[in-house]
Amino acid sequence: ALGTKEAREIVEAAAEKIREFKGSIYGTLDTHSKDYLSTQEGK
């Protein structure tokens, strides 16, 4: 829904960074519910 050419272009290199990383990995997941359009962000 919000994809861009620039985002697609970094996937391979980002995946390689993850594969080669030595340490601890954390991450975030943008997470919305079906009522998203009624939230401030959705508006």
ModelCIF file with pLDDT and N, C-alpha, C, O atoms, coordinates in Angstrom:
data_MODEL
#
_entry.id   MODEL 
#
_entity.id                         1 
_entity.type                       polymer 
_entity.pdbx_number_of_molecules   1 
#
_entity_poly.entity_id                      1 
_entity_poly.type                           'polypeptide(L)' 
_entity_poly.nstd_linkage                   no 
_entity_poly.nstd_monomer                   no 
_entity_poly.pdbx_seq_one_letter_code       ALGTKEAREIVEAAAEKIREFKGSIYGTLDTHSKDYLSTQEGK 
_entity_poly.pdbx_seq_one_letter_code_can   ALGTKEAREIVEAAAEKIREFKGSIYGTLDTHSKDYLSTQEGK 
_entity_poly.pdbx_strand_id                 A 
#
loop_
_entity_poly_seq.entity_id 
_entity_poly_seq.num 
_entity_poly_seq.mon_id 
_entity_poly_seq.hetero 
1 1  ALA n 
1 2  LEU n 
1 3  GLY n 
1 4  THR n 
1 5  LYS n 
1 6  GLU n 
1 7  ALA n 
1 8  ARG n 
1 9  GLU n 
1 10 ILE n 
1 11 VAL n 
1 12 GLU n 
1 13 ALA n 
1 14 ALA n 
1 15 ALA n 
1 16 GLU n 
1 17 LYS n 
1 18 ILE n 
1 19 ARG n 
1 20 GLU n 
1 21 PHE n 
1 22 LYS n 
1 23 GLY n 
1 24 SER n 
1 25 ILE n 
1 26 TYR n 
1 27 GLY n 
1 28 THR n 
1 29 LEU n 
1 30 ASP n 
1 31 THR n 
1 32 HIS n 
1 33 SER n 
1 34 LYS n 
1 35 ASP n 
1 36 TYR n 
1 37 LEU n 
1 38 SER n 
1 39 THR n 
1 40 GLN n 
1 41 GLU n 
1 42 GLY n 
1 43 LYS n 
#
_struct_asym.id          A 
_struct_asym.entity_id   1 
#
loop_
_ma_qa_metric.id 
_ma_qa_metric.mode 
_ma_qa_metric.name 
_ma_qa_metric.software_group_id 
_ma_qa_metric.type 
1 global pLDDT . pLDDT 
2 local  pLDDT . pLDDT 
#
_ma_qa_metric_global.metric_id      1 
_ma_qa_metric_global.metric_value   97.88 
_ma_qa_metric_global.model_id       1 
_ma_qa_metric_global.ordinal_id     1 
#
loop_
_ma_qa_metric_local.label_asym_id 
_ma_qa_metric_local.label_comp_id 
_ma_qa_metric_local.label_seq_id 
_ma_qa_metric_local.metric_id 
_ma_qa_metric_local.metric_value 
_ma_qa_metric_local.model_id 
_ma_qa_metric_local.ordinal_id 
A ALA 1  2 98.00 1 1  
A LEU 2  2 98.00 1 2  
A GLY 3  2 98.00 1 3  
A THR 4  2 97.00 1 4  
A LYS 5  2 97.00 1 5  
A GLU 6  2 98.00 1 6  
A ALA 7  2 98.00 1 7  
A ARG 8  2 98.00 1 8  
A GLU 9  2 98.00 1 9  
A ILE 10 2 98.00 1 10 
A VAL 11 2 98.00 1 11 
A GLU 12 2 98.00 1 12 
A ALA 13 2 98.00 1 13 
A ALA 14 2 98.00 1 14 
A ALA 15 2 98.00 1 15 
A GLU 16 2 98.00 1 16 
A LYS 17 2 98.00 1 17 
A ILE 18 2 98.00 1 18 
A ARG 19 2 98.00 1 19 
A GLU 20 2 98.00 1 20 
A PHE 21 2 98.00 1 21 
A LYS 22 2 97.00 1 22 
A GLY 23 2 98.00 1 23 
A SER 24 2 98.00 1 24 
A ILE 25 2 98.00 1 25 
A TYR 26 2 98.00 1 26 
A GLY 27 2 98.00 1 27 
A THR 28 2 98.00 1 28 
A LEU 29 2 98.00 1 29 
A ASP 30 2 98.00 1 30 
A THR 31 2 98.00 1 31 
A HIS 32 2 98.00 1 32 
A SER 33 2 98.00 1 33 
A LYS 34 2 98.00 1 34 
A ASP 35 2 98.00 1 35 
A TYR 36 2 98.00 1 36 
A LEU 37 2 98.00 1 37 
A SER 38 2 98.00 1 38 
A THR 39 2 98.00 1 39 
A GLN 40 2 97.00 1 40 
A GLU 41 2 97.00 1 41 
A GLY 42 2 98.00 1 42 
A LYS 43 2 98.00 1 43 
#
loop_
_atom_site.group_PDB 
_atom_site.id 
_atom_site.type_symbol 
_atom_site.label_atom_id 
_atom_site.label_alt_id 
_atom_site.label_comp_id 
_atom_site.label_asym_id 
_atom_site.label_entity_id 
_atom_site.label_seq_id 
_atom_site.pdbx_PDB_ins_code 
_atom_site.Cartn_x 
_atom_site.Cartn_y 
_atom_site.Cartn_z 
_atom_site.occupancy 
_atom_site.B_iso_or_equiv 
_atom_site.pdbx_formal_charge 
_atom_site.auth_seq_id 
_atom_site.auth_comp_id 
_atom_site.auth_asym_id 
_atom_site.auth_atom_id 
_atom_site.pdbx_PDB_model_num 
ATOM 1   N N  . ALA A 1 1  ? 0.801   -1.233  0.000  1.00 98.00 ? 1  ALA A N  1 
ATOM 2   C CA . ALA A 1 1  ? 0.000   0.000   0.000  1.00 98.00 ? 1  ALA A CA 1 
ATOM 3   C C  . ALA A 1 1  ? 0.833   1.282   0.000  1.00 98.00 ? 1  ALA A C  1 
ATOM 4   O O  . ALA A 1 1  ? 0.448   2.261   -0.639 1.00 98.00 ? 1  ALA A O  1 
ATOM 5   N N  . LEU A 1 2  ? 1.959   1.294   0.699  1.00 98.00 ? 2  LEU A N  1 
ATOM 6   C CA . LEU A 1 2  ? 2.807   2.488   0.786  1.00 98.00 ? 2  LEU A CA 1 
ATOM 7   C C  . LEU A 1 2  ? 4.216   2.229   0.239  1.00 98.00 ? 2  LEU A C  1 
ATOM 8   O O  . LEU A 1 2  ? 5.157   2.953   0.566  1.00 98.00 ? 2  LEU A O  1 
ATOM 9   N N  . GLY A 1 3  ? 4.350   1.207   -0.581 1.00 98.00 ? 3  GLY A N  1 
ATOM 10  C CA . GLY A 1 3  ? 5.651   0.845   -1.129 1.00 98.00 ? 3  GLY A CA 1 
ATOM 11  C C  . GLY A 1 3  ? 6.202   1.887   -2.082 1.00 98.00 ? 3  GLY A C  1 
ATOM 12  O O  . GLY A 1 3  ? 5.463   2.636   -2.721 1.00 98.00 ? 3  GLY A O  1 
ATOM 13  N N  . THR A 1 4  ? 7.521   1.910   -2.157 1.00 97.00 ? 4  THR A N  1 
ATOM 14  C CA . THR A 1 4  ? 8.207   2.833   -3.077 1.00 97.00 ? 4  THR A CA 1 
ATOM 15  C C  . THR A 1 4  ? 9.353   2.104   -3.772 1.00 97.00 ? 4  THR A C  1 
ATOM 16  O O  . THR A 1 4  ? 9.816   1.058   -3.318 1.00 97.00 ? 4  THR A O  1 
ATOM 17  N N  . LYS A 1 5  ? 9.788   2.676   -4.868 1.00 97.00 ? 5  LYS A N  1 
ATOM 18  C CA . LYS A 1 5  ? 10.944  2.142   -5.598 1.00 97.00 ? 5  LYS A CA 1 
ATOM 19  C C  . LYS A 1 5  ? 12.174  2.152   -4.683 1.00 97.00 ? 5  LYS A C  1 
ATOM 20  O O  . LYS A 1 5  ? 12.954  1.199   -4.666 1.00 97.00 ? 5  LYS A O  1 
ATOM 21  N N  . GLU A 1 6  ? 12.334  3.228   -3.933 1.00 98.00 ? 6  GLU A N  1 
ATOM 22  C CA . GLU A 1 6  ? 13.497  3.355   -3.043 1.00 98.00 ? 6  GLU A CA 1 
ATOM 23  C C  . GLU A 1 6  ? 13.490  2.276   -1.968 1.00 98.00 ? 6  GLU A C  1 
ATOM 24  O O  . GLU A 1 6  ? 14.541  1.733   -1.629 1.00 98.00 ? 6  GLU A O  1 
ATOM 25  N N  . ALA A 1 7  ? 12.322  1.964   -1.434 1.00 98.00 ? 7  ALA A N  1 
ATOM 26  C CA . ALA A 1 7  ? 12.220  0.903   -0.422 1.00 98.00 ? 7  ALA A CA 1 
ATOM 27  C C  . ALA A 1 7  ? 12.587  -0.449  -1.037 1.00 98.00 ? 7  ALA A C  1 
ATOM 28  O O  . ALA A 1 7  ? 13.330  -1.225  -0.437 1.00 98.00 ? 7  ALA A O  1 
ATOM 29  N N  . ARG A 1 8  ? 12.073  -0.726  -2.217 1.00 98.00 ? 8  ARG A N  1 
ATOM 30  C CA . ARG A 1 8  ? 12.389  -1.995  -2.886 1.00 98.00 ? 8  ARG A CA 1 
ATOM 31  C C  . ARG A 1 8  ? 13.889  -2.109  -3.147 1.00 98.00 ? 8  ARG A C  1 
ATOM 32  O O  . ARG A 1 8  ? 14.457  -3.200  -3.086 1.00 98.00 ? 8  ARG A O  1 
ATOM 33  N N  . GLU A 1 9  ? 14.519  -0.982  -3.436 1.00 98.00 ? 9  GLU A N  1 
ATOM 34  C CA . GLU A 1 9  ? 15.947  -0.994  -3.768 1.00 98.00 ? 9  GLU A CA 1 
ATOM 35  C C  . GLU A 1 9  ? 16.854  -1.321  -2.582 1.00 98.00 ? 9  GLU A C  1 
ATOM 36  O O  . GLU A 1 9  ? 17.992  -1.739  -2.795 1.00 98.00 ? 9  GLU A O  1 
ATOM 37  N N  . ILE A 1 10 ? 16.395  -1.148  -1.347 1.00 98.00 ? 10 ILE A N  1 
ATOM 38  C CA . ILE A 1 10 ? 17.267  -1.428  -0.195 1.00 98.00 ? 10 ILE A CA 1 
ATOM 39  C C  . ILE A 1 10 ? 17.090  -2.827  0.373  1.00 98.00 ? 10 ILE A C  1 
ATOM 40  O O  . ILE A 1 10 ? 17.875  -3.242  1.225  1.00 98.00 ? 10 ILE A O  1 
ATOM 41  N N  . VAL A 1 11 ? 16.081  -3.564  -0.073 1.00 98.00 ? 11 VAL A N  1 
ATOM 42  C CA . VAL A 1 11 ? 15.757  -4.857  0.547  1.00 98.00 ? 11 VAL A CA 1 
ATOM 43  C C  . VAL A 1 11 ? 16.934  -5.821  0.515  1.00 98.00 ? 11 VAL A C  1 
ATOM 44  O O  . VAL A 1 11 ? 17.280  -6.402  1.543  1.00 98.00 ? 11 VAL A O  1 
ATOM 45  N N  . GLU A 1 12 ? 17.550  -6.000  -0.637 1.00 98.00 ? 12 GLU A N  1 
ATOM 46  C CA . GLU A 1 12 ? 18.638  -6.973  -0.757 1.00 98.00 ? 12 GLU A CA 1 
ATOM 47  C C  . GLU A 1 12 ? 19.809  -6.625  0.164  1.00 98.00 ? 12 GLU A C  1 
ATOM 48  O O  . GLU A 1 12 ? 20.339  -7.496  0.854  1.00 98.00 ? 12 GLU A O  1 
ATOM 49  N N  . ALA A 1 13 ? 20.207  -5.367  0.175  1.00 98.00 ? 13 ALA A N  1 
ATOM 50  C CA . ALA A 1 13 ? 21.325  -4.951  1.024  1.00 98.00 ? 13 ALA A CA 1 
ATOM 51  C C  . ALA A 1 13 ? 20.955  -5.021  2.508  1.00 98.00 ? 13 ALA A C  1 
ATOM 52  O O  . ALA A 1 13 ? 21.790  -5.382  3.338  1.00 98.00 ? 13 ALA A O  1 
ATOM 53  N N  . ALA A 1 14 ? 19.715  -4.678  2.843  1.00 98.00 ? 14 ALA A N  1 
ATOM 54  C CA . ALA A 1 14 ? 19.276  -4.785  4.244  1.00 98.00 ? 14 ALA A CA 1 
ATOM 55  C C  . ALA A 1 14 ? 19.279  -6.236  4.689  1.00 98.00 ? 14 ALA A C  1 
ATOM 56  O O  . ALA A 1 14 ? 19.698  -6.541  5.806  1.00 98.00 ? 14 ALA A O  1 
ATOM 57  N N  . ALA A 1 15 ? 18.821  -7.127  3.836  1.00 98.00 ? 15 ALA A N  1 
ATOM 58  C CA . ALA A 1 15 ? 18.830  -8.561  4.161  1.00 98.00 ? 15 ALA A CA 1 
ATOM 59  C C  . ALA A 1 15 ? 20.259  -9.047  4.380  1.00 98.00 ? 15 ALA A C  1 
ATOM 60  O O  . ALA A 1 15 ? 20.515  -9.837  5.289  1.00 98.00 ? 15 ALA A O  1 
ATOM 61  N N  . GLU A 1 16 ? 21.180  -8.582  3.559  1.00 98.00 ? 16 GLU A N  1 
ATOM 62  C CA . GLU A 1 16 ? 22.582  -8.976  3.716  1.00 98.00 ? 16 GLU A CA 1 
ATOM 63  C C  . GLU A 1 16 ? 23.148  -8.463  5.040  1.00 98.00 ? 16 GLU A C  1 
ATOM 64  O O  . GLU A 1 16 ? 23.890  -9.178  5.713  1.00 98.00 ? 16 GLU A O  1 
ATOM 65  N N  . LYS A 1 17 ? 22.803  -7.229  5.418  1.00 98.00 ? 17 LYS A N  1 
ATOM 66  C CA . LYS A 1 17 ? 23.251  -6.672  6.708  1.00 98.00 ? 17 LYS A CA 1 
ATOM 67  C C  . LYS A 1 17 ? 22.763  -7.559  7.851  1.00 98.00 ? 17 LYS A C  1 
ATOM 68  O O  . LYS A 1 17 ? 23.523  -7.856  8.772  1.00 98.00 ? 17 LYS A O  1 
ATOM 69  N N  . ILE A 1 18 ? 21.506  -7.980  7.798  1.00 98.00 ? 18 ILE A N  1 
ATOM 70  C CA . ILE A 1 18 ? 20.943  -8.849  8.832  1.00 98.00 ? 18 ILE A CA 1 
ATOM 71  C C  . ILE A 1 18 ? 21.688  -10.177 8.868  1.00 98.00 ? 18 ILE A C  1 
ATOM 72  O O  . ILE A 1 18 ? 22.067  -10.644 9.943  1.00 98.00 ? 18 ILE A O  1 
ATOM 73  N N  . ARG A 1 19 ? 21.902  -10.786 7.717  1.00 98.00 ? 19 ARG A N  1 
ATOM 74  C CA . ARG A 1 19 ? 22.595  -12.086 7.649  1.00 98.00 ? 19 ARG A CA 1 
ATOM 75  C C  . ARG A 1 19 ? 23.988  -12.014 8.271  1.00 98.00 ? 19 ARG A C  1 
ATOM 76  O O  . ARG A 1 19 ? 24.407  -12.930 8.978  1.00 98.00 ? 19 ARG A O  1 
ATOM 77  N N  . GLU A 1 20 ? 24.702  -10.922 8.004  1.00 98.00 ? 20 GLU A N  1 
ATOM 78  C CA . GLU A 1 20 ? 26.108  -10.812 8.419  1.00 98.00 ? 20 GLU A CA 1 
ATOM 79  C C  . GLU A 1 20 ? 26.280  -10.208 9.813  1.00 98.00 ? 20 GLU A C  1 
ATOM 80  O O  . GLU A 1 20 ? 27.394  -10.195 10.338 1.00 98.00 ? 20 GLU A O  1 
ATOM 81  N N  . PHE A 1 21 ? 25.209  -9.713  10.420 1.00 98.00 ? 21 PHE A N  1 
ATOM 82  C CA . PHE A 1 21 ? 25.339  -8.984  11.683 1.00 98.00 ? 21 PHE A CA 1 
ATOM 83  C C  . PHE A 1 21 ? 25.787  -9.908  12.805 1.00 98.00 ? 21 PHE A C  1 
ATOM 84  O O  . PHE A 1 21 ? 25.324  -11.043 12.922 1.00 98.00 ? 21 PHE A O  1 
ATOM 85  N N  . LYS A 1 22 ? 26.691  -9.402  13.620 1.00 97.00 ? 22 LYS A N  1 
ATOM 86  C CA . LYS A 1 22 ? 27.171  -10.117 14.806 1.00 97.00 ? 22 LYS A CA 1 
ATOM 87  C C  . LYS A 1 22 ? 26.737  -9.325  16.020 1.00 97.00 ? 22 LYS A C  1 
ATOM 88  O O  . LYS A 1 22 ? 27.258  -8.240  16.274 1.00 97.00 ? 22 LYS A O  1 
ATOM 89  N N  . GLY A 1 23 ? 25.801  -9.848  16.762 1.00 98.00 ? 23 GLY A N  1 
ATOM 90  C CA . GLY A 1 23 ? 25.278  -9.152  17.933 1.00 98.00 ? 23 GLY A CA 1 
ATOM 91  C C  . GLY A 1 23 ? 23.833  -9.529  18.146 1.00 98.00 ? 23 GLY A C  1 
ATOM 92  O O  . GLY A 1 23 ? 23.437  -10.664 17.879 1.00 98.00 ? 23 GLY A O  1 
ATOM 93  N N  . SER A 1 24 ? 23.043  -8.589  18.625 1.00 98.00 ? 24 SER A N  1 
ATOM 94  C CA . SER A 1 24 ? 21.627  -8.819  18.911 1.00 98.00 ? 24 SER A CA 1 
ATOM 95  C C  . SER A 1 24 ? 20.772  -7.992  17.958 1.00 98.00 ? 24 SER A C  1 
ATOM 96  O O  . SER A 1 24 ? 21.079  -6.834  17.674 1.00 98.00 ? 24 SER A O  1 
ATOM 97  N N  . ILE A 1 25 ? 19.696  -8.605  17.468 1.00 98.00 ? 25 ILE A N  1 
ATOM 98  C CA . ILE A 1 25 ? 18.799  -7.931  16.537 1.00 98.00 ? 25 ILE A CA 1 
ATOM 99  C C  . ILE A 1 25 ? 17.441  -7.725  17.190 1.00 98.00 ? 25 ILE A C  1 
ATOM 100 O O  . ILE A 1 25 ? 16.847  -8.645  17.753 1.00 98.00 ? 25 ILE A O  1 
ATOM 101 N N  . TYR A 1 26 ? 16.976  -6.495  17.097 1.00 98.00 ? 26 TYR A N  1 
ATOM 102 C CA . TYR A 1 26 ? 15.625  -6.123  17.520 1.00 98.00 ? 26 TYR A CA 1 
ATOM 103 C C  . TYR A 1 26 ? 14.938  -5.523  16.294 1.00 98.00 ? 26 TYR A C  1 
ATOM 104 O O  . TYR A 1 26 ? 15.587  -5.230  15.290 1.00 98.00 ? 26 TYR A O  1 
ATOM 105 N N  . GLY A 1 27 ? 13.643  -5.348  16.384 1.00 98.00 ? 27 GLY A N  1 
ATOM 106 C CA . GLY A 1 27 ? 12.957  -4.730  15.273 1.00 98.00 ? 27 GLY A CA 1 
ATOM 107 C C  . GLY A 1 27 ? 11.610  -4.173  15.683 1.00 98.00 ? 27 GLY A C  1 
ATOM 108 O O  . GLY A 1 27 ? 11.148  -4.365  16.808 1.00 98.00 ? 27 GLY A O  1 
ATOM 109 N N  . THR A 1 28 ? 10.994  -3.481  14.743 1.00 98.00 ? 28 THR A N  1 
ATOM 110 C CA . THR A 1 28 ? 9.653   -2.948  14.963 1.00 98.00 ? 28 THR A CA 1 
ATOM 111 C C  . THR A 1 28 ? 8.740   -3.404  13.834 1.00 98.00 ? 28 THR A C  1 
ATOM 112 O O  . THR A 1 28 ? 9.171   -3.642  12.706 1.00 98.00 ? 28 THR A O  1 
ATOM 113 N N  . LEU A 1 29 ? 7.472   -3.516  14.181 1.00 98.00 ? 29 LEU A N  1 
ATOM 114 C CA . LEU A 1 29 ? 6.423   -3.867  13.222 1.00 98.00 ? 29 LEU A CA 1 
ATOM 115 C C  . LEU A 1 29 ? 5.301   -2.851  13.356 1.00 98.00 ? 29 LEU A C  1 
ATOM 116 O O  . LEU A 1 29 ? 4.613   -2.808  14.376 1.00 98.00 ? 29 LEU A O  1 
ATOM 117 N N  . ASP A 1 30 ? 5.118   -2.043  12.336 1.00 98.00 ? 30 ASP A N  1 
ATOM 118 C CA . ASP A 1 30 ? 3.982   -1.136  12.309 1.00 98.00 ? 30 ASP A CA 1 
ATOM 119 C C  . ASP A 1 30 ? 2.737   -2.017  12.339 1.00 98.00 ? 30 ASP A C  1 
ATOM 120 O O  . ASP A 1 30 ? 2.598   -2.925  11.519 1.00 98.00 ? 30 ASP A O  1 
ATOM 121 N N  . THR A 1 31 ? 1.838   -1.755  13.273 1.00 98.00 ? 31 THR A N  1 
ATOM 122 C CA . THR A 1 31 ? 0.709   -2.662  13.489 1.00 98.00 ? 31 THR A CA 1 
ATOM 123 C C  . THR A 1 31 ? -0.564  -1.862  13.695 1.00 98.00 ? 31 THR A C  1 
ATOM 124 O O  . THR A 1 31 ? -0.691  -1.098  14.652 1.00 98.00 ? 31 THR A O  1 
ATOM 125 N N  . HIS A 1 32 ? -1.502  -2.052  12.780 1.00 98.00 ? 32 HIS A N  1 
ATOM 126 C CA . HIS A 1 32 ? -2.792  -1.361  12.871 1.00 98.00 ? 32 HIS A CA 1 
ATOM 127 C C  . HIS A 1 32 ? -3.927  -2.367  12.846 1.00 98.00 ? 32 HIS A C  1 
ATOM 128 O O  . HIS A 1 32 ? -3.749  -3.524  12.464 1.00 98.00 ? 32 HIS A O  1 
ATOM 129 N N  . SER A 1 33 ? -5.090  -1.907  13.257 1.00 98.00 ? 33 SER A N  1 
ATOM 130 C CA . SER A 1 33 ? -6.289  -2.748  13.230 1.00 98.00 ? 33 SER A CA 1 
ATOM 131 C C  . SER A 1 33 ? -7.189  -2.279  12.093 1.00 98.00 ? 33 SER A C  1 
ATOM 132 O O  . SER A 1 33 ? -6.907  -1.288  11.419 1.00 98.00 ? 33 SER A O  1 
ATOM 133 N N  . LYS A 1 34 ? -8.249  -2.997  11.904 1.00 98.00 ? 34 LYS A N  1 
ATOM 134 C CA . LYS A 1 34 ? -9.166  -2.696  10.795 1.00 98.00 ? 34 LYS A CA 1 
ATOM 135 C C  . LYS A 1 34 ? -9.828  -1.324  10.937 1.00 98.00 ? 34 LYS A C  1 
ATOM 136 O O  . LYS A 1 34 ? -10.350 -0.796  9.955  1.00 98.00 ? 34 LYS A O  1 
ATOM 137 N N  . ASP A 1 35 ? -9.818  -0.731  12.146 1.00 98.00 ? 35 ASP A N  1 
ATOM 138 C CA . ASP A 1 35 ? -10.392 0.607   12.341 1.00 98.00 ? 35 ASP A CA 1 
ATOM 139 C C  . ASP A 1 35 ? -9.361  1.719   12.115 1.00 98.00 ? 35 ASP A C  1 
ATOM 140 O O  . ASP A 1 35 ? -9.556  2.846   12.568 1.00 98.00 ? 35 ASP A O  1 
ATOM 141 N N  . TYR A 1 36 ? -8.272  1.407   11.420 1.00 98.00 ? 36 TYR A N  1 
ATOM 142 C CA . TYR A 1 36 ? -7.182  2.346   11.190 1.00 98.00 ? 36 TYR A CA 1 
ATOM 143 C C  . TYR A 1 36 ? -7.663  3.708   10.705 1.00 98.00 ? 36 TYR A C  1 
ATOM 144 O O  . TYR A 1 36 ? -7.178  4.735   11.181 1.00 98.00 ? 36 TYR A O  1 
ATOM 145 N N  . LEU A 1 37 ? -8.602  3.735   9.773  1.00 98.00 ? 37 LEU A N  1 
ATOM 146 C CA . LEU A 1 37 ? -9.037  5.017   9.203  1.00 98.00 ? 37 LEU A CA 1 
ATOM 147 C C  . LEU A 1 37 ? -9.715  5.928   10.225 1.00 98.00 ? 37 LEU A C  1 
ATOM 148 O O  . LEU A 1 37 ? -9.850  7.127   9.981  1.00 98.00 ? 37 LEU A O  1 
ATOM 149 N N  . SER A 1 38 ? -10.141 5.387   11.355 1.00 98.00 ? 38 SER A N  1 
ATOM 150 C CA . SER A 1 38 ? -10.761 6.221   12.388 1.00 98.00 ? 38 SER A CA 1 
ATOM 151 C C  . SER A 1 38 ? -9.745  6.736   13.407 1.00 98.00 ? 38 SER A C  1 
ATOM 152 O O  . SER A 1 38 ? -10.107 7.496   14.306 1.00 98.00 ? 38 SER A O  1 
ATOM 153 N N  . THR A 1 39 ? -8.484  6.335   13.280 1.00 98.00 ? 39 THR A N  1 
ATOM 154 C CA . THR A 1 39 ? -7.443  6.810   14.196 1.00 98.00 ? 39 THR A CA 1 
ATOM 155 C C  . THR A 1 39 ? -6.897  8.148   13.708 1.00 98.00 ? 39 THR A C  1 
ATOM 156 O O  . THR A 1 39 ? -7.130  8.541   12.565 1.00 98.00 ? 39 THR A O  1 
ATOM 157 N N  . GLN A 1 40 ? -6.173  8.842   14.575 1.00 97.00 ? 40 GLN A N  1 
ATOM 158 C CA . GLN A 1 40 ? -5.571  10.113  14.168 1.00 97.00 ? 40 GLN A CA 1 
ATOM 159 C C  . GLN A 1 40 ? -4.640  9.913   12.984 1.00 97.00 ? 40 GLN A C  1 
ATOM 160 O O  . GLN A 1 40 ? -4.675  10.682  12.023 1.00 97.00 ? 40 GLN A O  1 
ATOM 161 N N  . GLU A 1 41 ? -3.806  8.881   13.052 1.00 97.00 ? 41 GLU A N  1 
ATOM 162 C CA . GLU A 1 41 ? -2.905  8.627   11.928 1.00 97.00 ? 41 GLU A CA 1 
ATOM 163 C C  . GLU A 1 41 ? -3.695  8.351   10.655 1.00 97.00 ? 41 GLU A C  1 
ATOM 164 O O  . GLU A 1 41 ? -3.358  8.868   9.590  1.00 97.00 ? 41 GLU A O  1 
ATOM 165 N N  . GLY A 1 42 ? -4.741  7.542   10.758 1.00 98.00 ? 42 GLY A N  1 
ATOM 166 C CA . GLY A 1 42 ? -5.555  7.199   9.594  1.00 98.00 ? 42 GLY A CA 1 
ATOM 167 C C  . GLY A 1 42 ? -6.254  8.391   8.989  1.00 98.00 ? 42 GLY A C  1 
ATOM 168 O O  . GLY A 1 42 ? -6.468  8.437   7.777  1.00 98.00 ? 42 GLY A O  1 
ATOM 169 N N  . LYS A 1 43 ? -6.611  9.352   9.809  1.00 98.00 ? 43 LYS A N  1 
ATOM 170 C CA . LYS A 1 43 ? -7.240  10.565  9.294  1.00 98.00 ? 43 LYS A CA 1 
ATOM 171 C C  . LYS A 1 43 ? -6.230  11.444  8.550  1.00 98.00 ? 43 LYS A C  1 
ATOM 172 O O  . LYS A 1 43 ? -6.590  12.509  8.049  1.00 98.00 ? 43 LYS A O  1 
#
